[in-house]
């Protein structure tokens, strides 16, 4: 007698003969096994039993469909090689041999193992492997595609919320909270790696006058214009943030005082040129103070840059001053 998956039950001399010689308890046990297998098939659960030699002893219809198991496939390796050749089943990076080596090292490595697999048709499955006596391996595959979709949506929502919390809504730059977090991180890196780090504090000159003369809407346009100009002048890895009304911060990892000053000077010259303000309807300038990180606390770096900024304003504005 053959089972519904094509394998033969122990014995093989026919049901009538088996029924005649098997004790009642054995018949009941076999009937229970048949019911369990029927229940697995009816439930649509993808499950499989592999022998100690990694041959497929039982595979539910859902399992065979999931991995496109063909009659000639005997072992786990046979099934995976066909999946790789036909671009079905689990997504695999690299060669099939590398995948099989990785899988072989993990299969039967622990009494029970749970992991996720990404199927080529964009479904996700949670796999629960249980190591049975004698090296038999029982695997159950649960479709978690909806859960992964919800997880992805939640992650997108978290990312959007984090972005909103870190962003100044008017200019699209980092806000003060995000800038301070970035400063803290960059200071730790500079201290650890003994690399340079510079900070520039920038004010738009006489910004209140712009608001009073042209209105707050025009003032908002100036802030957006300056933010866009600053983004264009940034080097890769620099941070540009709005930390107050007309106050901005530029953080430049890897830049010493001289290089940082040159970068801020390029921005100052850019906004001072009329050709770069076409359509804005008013002129504006900026002042800045630049300080280099010397291993002290963030408050010290800020205070030194702020003193340099104050000196730039005191000396007539529209200029860059370096911290002592």
Protein backbone atom coordinates (compact mmCIF):
# COMPACT_ATOMS: atom_id res chain seq x y z
CA UNK A 1 0.00 0.00 0.00
CA UNK A 2 1.26 3.48 -0.87
CA UNK A 3 0.63 6.68 1.11
CA UNK A 4 -0.90 9.71 -0.55
CA UNK A 5 2.58 11.16 -1.16
CA UNK A 6 3.73 8.12 -3.13
CA UNK A 7 5.80 6.43 -0.41
CA UNK A 8 5.03 2.87 0.67
CA UNK A 9 4.01 2.08 4.22
CA UNK A 10 5.99 -0.64 6.01
CA UNK A 11 4.82 -4.08 4.90
CA UNK A 12 3.43 -3.86 1.43
CA UNK A 13 1.49 -7.17 1.07
CA UNK A 14 -1.90 -5.52 0.83
CA UNK A 15 -4.45 -4.07 3.19
CA UNK A 16 -6.44 -7.28 3.68
CA UNK A 17 -3.42 -9.32 4.70
CA UNK A 18 -2.11 -6.53 6.95
CA UNK A 19 -5.48 -6.21 8.65
CA UNK A 20 -5.47 -9.94 9.29
CA UNK A 21 -2.14 -10.05 11.08
CA UNK A 22 -1.87 -6.66 12.82
CA UNK A 23 -3.11 -6.43 16.41
CA UNK A 24 -6.00 -4.09 17.09
CA UNK A 25 -3.73 -1.56 18.82
CA UNK A 26 -1.51 -1.37 15.72
CA UNK A 27 -4.54 -0.88 13.49
CA UNK A 28 -5.73 1.96 15.69
CA UNK A 29 -2.24 3.53 15.64
CA UNK A 30 -2.13 3.31 11.85
CA UNK A 31 -5.63 4.77 11.60
CA UNK A 32 -4.57 7.64 13.84
CA UNK A 33 -1.49 8.25 11.67
CA UNK A 34 -3.66 8.26 8.55
CA UNK A 35 -6.00 10.78 10.18
CA UNK A 36 -3.09 13.01 11.20
CA UNK A 37 -1.73 12.96 7.65
CA UNK A 38 -5.19 13.61 6.24
CA UNK A 39 -5.59 16.52 8.62
CA UNK A 40 -2.25 18.00 7.57
CA UNK A 41 -3.23 17.75 3.91
CA UNK A 42 -6.68 19.23 4.51
CA UNK A 43 -5.26 22.10 6.60
CA UNK A 44 -3.04 23.30 3.76
CA UNK A 45 -0.05 23.51 6.07
CA UNK A 46 3.32 23.18 4.34
CA UNK A 47 5.30 20.59 6.30
CA UNK A 48 7.94 17.97 5.60
CA UNK A 49 9.81 15.12 7.25
CA UNK A 50 13.41 14.50 6.21
CA UNK A 51 15.34 11.34 7.05
CA UNK A 52 18.75 11.39 8.77
CA UNK A 53 20.24 11.26 5.25
CA UNK A 54 18.18 14.37 4.36
CA UNK A 55 15.88 12.43 2.05
CA UNK A 56 12.27 13.61 1.83
CA UNK A 57 10.21 10.97 3.62
CA UNK A 58 7.00 12.99 3.70
CA UNK A 59 5.99 16.28 2.17
CA UNK A 60 2.51 17.75 2.34
CA UNK A 61 0.85 18.97 -0.85
CA UNK A 62 1.39 22.57 0.30
CA UNK A 63 5.11 21.90 0.85
CA UNK A 64 5.47 20.30 -2.58
CA UNK A 65 3.71 23.24 -4.20
CA UNK A 66 5.78 25.78 -2.28
CA UNK A 67 9.07 24.27 -3.45
CA UNK A 68 7.80 22.78 -6.73
CA UNK A 69 8.89 19.29 -5.61
CA UNK A 70 9.04 16.89 -8.56
CA UNK A 71 8.76 13.06 -8.41
CA UNK A 72 12.49 12.62 -9.05
CA UNK A 73 13.57 14.84 -6.14
CA UNK A 74 14.84 12.68 -3.27
CA UNK A 75 16.90 14.92 -1.02
CA UNK A 76 16.80 18.45 0.35
CA UNK A 77 19.70 19.30 -1.96
CA UNK A 78 17.77 17.96 -4.99
CA UNK A 79 14.79 20.16 -4.12
CA UNK A 80 16.91 23.30 -3.59
CA UNK A 81 18.91 22.76 -6.79
CA UNK A 82 15.70 22.62 -8.79
CA UNK A 83 14.38 25.72 -7.03
CA UNK A 84 17.56 27.55 -7.95
CA UNK A 85 17.48 26.36 -11.56
CA UNK A 86 13.80 27.22 -12.06
CA UNK A 87 13.84 30.47 -10.02
CA UNK A 88 11.19 29.25 -7.62
CA UNK A 89 11.11 28.70 -3.88
CA UNK A 90 13.37 30.67 -1.54
CA UNK A 91 15.42 33.64 -2.67
CA UNK A 92 19.09 32.71 -2.71
CA UNK A 93 22.09 35.02 -2.83
CA UNK A 94 25.24 33.67 -4.42
CA UNK A 95 25.70 30.22 -5.90
CA UNK A 96 23.56 27.20 -5.12
CA UNK A 97 26.57 25.40 -3.66
CA UNK A 98 27.22 28.26 -1.26
CA UNK A 99 23.54 28.21 -0.26
CA UNK A 100 23.60 24.44 0.35
CA UNK A 101 26.79 24.71 2.41
CA UNK A 102 25.15 27.39 4.55
CA UNK A 103 21.94 25.38 4.94
CA UNK A 104 23.82 22.15 5.73
CA UNK A 105 25.73 23.86 8.52
CA UNK A 106 22.49 25.06 10.13
CA UNK A 107 20.17 22.10 9.58
CA UNK A 108 20.13 19.83 12.67
CA UNK A 109 22.47 22.24 14.47
CA UNK A 110 20.01 22.69 17.36
CA UNK A 111 17.05 20.69 18.73
CA UNK A 112 14.71 23.40 17.47
CA UNK A 113 15.28 26.30 15.11
CA UNK A 114 13.01 29.09 13.89
CA UNK A 115 13.82 31.42 11.01
CA UNK A 116 12.20 33.33 8.15
CA UNK A 117 12.55 32.73 4.42
CA UNK A 118 11.72 35.09 1.58
CA UNK A 119 10.04 33.34 -1.35
CA UNK A 120 10.60 34.48 -4.94
CA UNK A 121 6.90 35.30 -5.37
CA UNK A 122 7.32 37.85 -2.52
CA UNK A 123 5.71 35.71 0.15
CA UNK A 124 7.35 35.24 3.54
CA UNK A 125 7.33 32.04 5.61
CA UNK A 126 8.27 31.33 9.20
CA UNK A 127 10.05 27.98 9.35
CA UNK A 128 10.07 25.87 12.49
CA UNK A 129 12.54 22.98 12.38
CA UNK A 130 12.44 20.27 15.05
CA UNK A 131 15.17 17.66 15.32
CA UNK A 132 13.67 14.27 16.18
CA UNK A 133 15.29 11.11 17.55
CA UNK A 134 17.76 9.48 15.20
CA UNK A 135 18.40 12.62 13.17
CA UNK A 136 14.96 12.96 11.54
CA UNK A 137 14.01 16.55 10.81
CA UNK A 138 10.42 17.86 10.94
CA UNK A 139 9.81 21.25 9.28
CA UNK A 140 6.68 23.39 9.32
CA UNK A 141 6.26 26.47 7.09
CA UNK A 142 3.81 29.19 8.16
CA UNK A 143 2.82 31.97 5.76
CA UNK A 144 3.60 35.31 7.47
CA UNK A 145 3.33 37.51 4.38
CA UNK A 146 0.57 39.65 5.90
CA UNK A 147 2.52 40.05 9.13
CA UNK A 148 5.63 41.11 7.19
CA UNK A 149 3.53 43.57 5.20
CA UNK A 150 2.18 45.06 8.41
CA UNK A 151 5.69 45.13 9.84
CA UNK A 152 6.90 46.99 6.75
CA UNK A 153 4.07 49.52 7.01
CA UNK A 154 4.82 50.05 10.70
CA UNK A 155 8.49 50.59 9.89
CA UNK A 156 7.58 53.12 7.21
CA UNK A 157 5.31 54.89 9.70
CA UNK A 158 8.08 54.93 12.31
CA UNK A 159 10.56 56.27 9.75
CA UNK A 160 8.11 58.97 8.68
CA UNK A 161 7.45 59.94 12.30
CA UNK A 162 11.18 60.05 13.03
CA UNK A 163 11.80 62.18 9.95
CA UNK A 164 9.04 64.57 10.98
CA UNK A 165 10.49 64.78 14.48
CA UNK A 166 13.96 65.54 13.09
CA UNK A 167 12.97 68.01 10.36
CA UNK A 168 12.29 71.72 10.36
CA UNK A 169 8.99 71.98 8.45
CA UNK A 170 9.76 75.32 6.81
CA UNK A 171 13.19 74.60 5.35
CA UNK A 172 13.34 70.79 5.31
CA UNK A 173 16.65 70.90 7.18
CA UNK A 174 17.44 69.07 10.38
CA UNK A 175 15.99 70.81 13.43
CA UNK A 176 17.90 71.64 16.60
CA UNK A 177 17.15 68.32 18.32
CA UNK A 178 18.39 66.26 15.38
CA UNK A 179 21.42 68.52 14.90
CA UNK A 180 22.47 68.09 18.53
CA UNK A 181 22.12 64.32 18.25
CA UNK A 182 24.27 64.36 15.10
CA UNK A 183 26.84 66.61 16.80
CA UNK A 184 27.07 64.21 19.73
CA UNK A 185 27.59 61.26 17.40
CA UNK A 186 30.21 63.05 15.29
CA UNK A 187 32.10 64.19 18.38
CA UNK A 188 32.32 60.60 19.63
CA UNK A 189 33.66 59.48 16.24
CA UNK A 190 36.20 62.31 16.10
CA UNK A 191 37.39 61.55 19.63
CA UNK A 192 37.62 57.81 18.95
CA UNK A 193 39.39 58.10 15.58
CA UNK A 194 41.40 61.26 16.31
CA UNK A 195 39.90 62.98 13.27
CA UNK A 196 39.05 66.61 12.68
CA UNK A 197 35.60 68.11 13.19
CA UNK A 198 34.43 71.70 12.82
CA UNK A 199 31.24 73.53 13.69
CA UNK A 200 29.88 76.74 12.15
CA UNK A 201 27.09 78.80 13.69
CA UNK A 202 25.38 81.09 11.17
CA UNK A 203 22.96 84.00 11.50
CA UNK A 204 21.15 85.82 8.71
CA UNK A 205 21.96 89.50 9.14
CA UNK A 206 19.17 91.94 10.10
CA UNK A 207 16.52 89.29 9.50
CA UNK A 208 13.96 91.15 11.61
CA UNK A 209 14.27 94.08 9.22
CA UNK A 210 13.41 91.79 6.30
CA UNK A 211 10.28 90.61 8.11
CA UNK A 212 9.29 94.14 9.05
CA UNK A 213 9.89 95.60 5.59
CA UNK A 214 8.73 92.78 3.31
CA UNK A 215 6.47 90.72 5.56
CA UNK A 216 6.84 87.30 7.17
CA UNK A 217 5.96 85.45 3.97
CA UNK A 218 9.00 87.01 2.27
CA UNK A 219 11.05 86.21 5.35
CA UNK A 220 10.04 82.55 5.02
CA UNK A 221 11.13 82.64 1.37
CA UNK A 222 14.54 83.95 2.45
CA UNK A 223 14.92 81.12 4.96
CA UNK A 224 14.00 78.53 2.33
CA UNK A 225 16.36 80.15 -0.19
CA UNK A 226 19.24 80.06 2.29
CA UNK A 227 18.49 76.45 3.22
CA UNK A 228 18.60 75.44 -0.46
CA UNK A 229 21.82 77.35 -1.00
CA UNK A 230 23.42 75.74 2.02
CA UNK A 231 22.46 72.25 0.86
CA UNK A 232 24.12 72.89 -2.50
CA UNK A 233 27.34 74.03 -0.82
CA UNK A 234 27.61 71.06 1.53
CA UNK A 235 30.31 68.46 1.16
CA UNK A 236 29.34 64.82 1.42
CA UNK A 237 28.81 63.92 5.08
CA UNK A 238 28.24 67.51 6.26
CA UNK A 239 25.18 68.39 8.33
CA UNK A 240 23.15 71.56 7.80
CA UNK A 241 20.42 72.43 10.29
CA UNK A 242 18.12 75.24 11.30
CA UNK A 243 18.50 75.64 15.05
CA UNK A 244 16.48 78.82 15.62
CA UNK A 245 14.50 81.53 13.82
CA UNK A 246 17.28 82.77 11.52
CA UNK A 247 20.02 80.67 13.13
CA UNK A 248 21.70 77.79 11.34
CA UNK A 249 24.35 75.21 12.12
CA UNK A 250 26.84 73.53 9.82
CA UNK A 251 28.72 70.49 11.07
CA UNK A 252 31.74 69.38 9.02
CA UNK A 253 33.36 66.04 9.94
CA UNK A 254 36.94 65.63 8.75
CA UNK A 255 37.40 69.39 8.28
CA UNK A 256 39.86 71.47 10.21
CA UNK A 257 39.33 75.13 10.99
CA UNK A 258 40.79 76.42 7.72
CA UNK A 259 38.88 74.05 5.45
CA UNK A 260 35.63 74.63 7.34
CA UNK A 261 36.07 78.39 7.10
CA UNK A 262 36.57 78.15 3.35
CA UNK A 263 33.37 76.10 3.00
CA UNK A 264 31.31 78.63 4.95
CA UNK A 265 32.92 81.49 3.02
CA UNK A 266 31.76 79.91 -0.24
CA UNK A 267 28.21 79.94 1.10
CA UNK A 268 28.52 83.56 2.26
CA UNK A 269 29.73 84.70 -1.15
CA UNK A 270 27.01 82.71 -2.91
CA UNK A 271 24.10 84.34 -1.09
CA UNK A 272 25.71 87.80 -1.34
CA UNK A 273 25.68 87.70 -5.15
CA UNK A 274 22.58 89.18 -6.74
CA UNK A 275 22.55 86.62 -9.58
CA UNK A 276 21.95 83.90 -7.02
CA UNK A 277 18.91 85.68 -5.59
CA UNK A 278 16.89 86.13 -8.80
CA UNK A 279 13.18 85.97 -8.03
CA UNK A 280 13.64 86.38 -4.29
CA UNK A 281 12.81 90.08 -4.28
CA UNK A 282 15.25 91.15 -1.58
CA UNK A 283 18.90 90.95 -0.60
CA UNK A 284 20.30 89.35 2.52
CA UNK A 285 23.69 88.46 3.99
CA UNK A 286 24.99 86.11 6.65
CA UNK A 287 27.55 86.10 9.45
CA UNK A 288 29.22 83.00 10.90
CA UNK A 289 31.58 81.80 13.59
CA UNK A 290 33.63 78.65 13.04
CA UNK A 291 35.24 76.50 15.73
CA UNK A 292 37.23 73.27 15.56
CA UNK A 293 36.58 70.41 17.98
CA UNK A 294 39.44 70.04 20.45
CA UNK A 295 38.23 67.08 22.50
CA UNK A 296 36.14 69.13 24.90
CA UNK A 297 32.41 68.98 25.58
CA UNK A 298 29.78 70.07 23.07
CA UNK A 299 28.99 73.11 25.20
CA UNK A 300 32.58 74.32 24.84
CA UNK A 301 32.53 73.86 21.06
CA UNK A 302 29.23 75.75 20.84
CA UNK A 303 30.43 78.55 23.08
CA UNK A 304 33.61 79.07 21.05
CA UNK A 305 31.69 79.12 17.75
CA UNK A 306 29.12 81.47 19.26
CA UNK A 307 31.79 83.90 20.46
CA UNK A 308 33.27 83.92 16.96
CA UNK A 309 29.80 84.60 15.52
CA UNK A 310 29.29 87.48 17.95
CA UNK A 311 32.64 88.91 16.86
CA UNK A 312 31.60 88.68 13.19
CA UNK A 313 28.45 90.67 13.96
CA UNK A 314 30.34 93.21 16.07
CA UNK A 315 32.84 93.76 13.24
CA UNK A 316 30.14 94.69 10.76
CA UNK A 317 28.36 91.46 9.74
CA UNK A 318 28.50 89.73 6.35
CA UNK A 319 31.72 88.02 7.38
CA UNK A 320 33.23 84.81 8.85
CA UNK A 321 35.26 84.74 12.05
CA UNK A 322 37.28 81.85 13.44
CA UNK A 323 37.21 80.83 17.10
CA UNK A 324 40.34 81.30 19.22
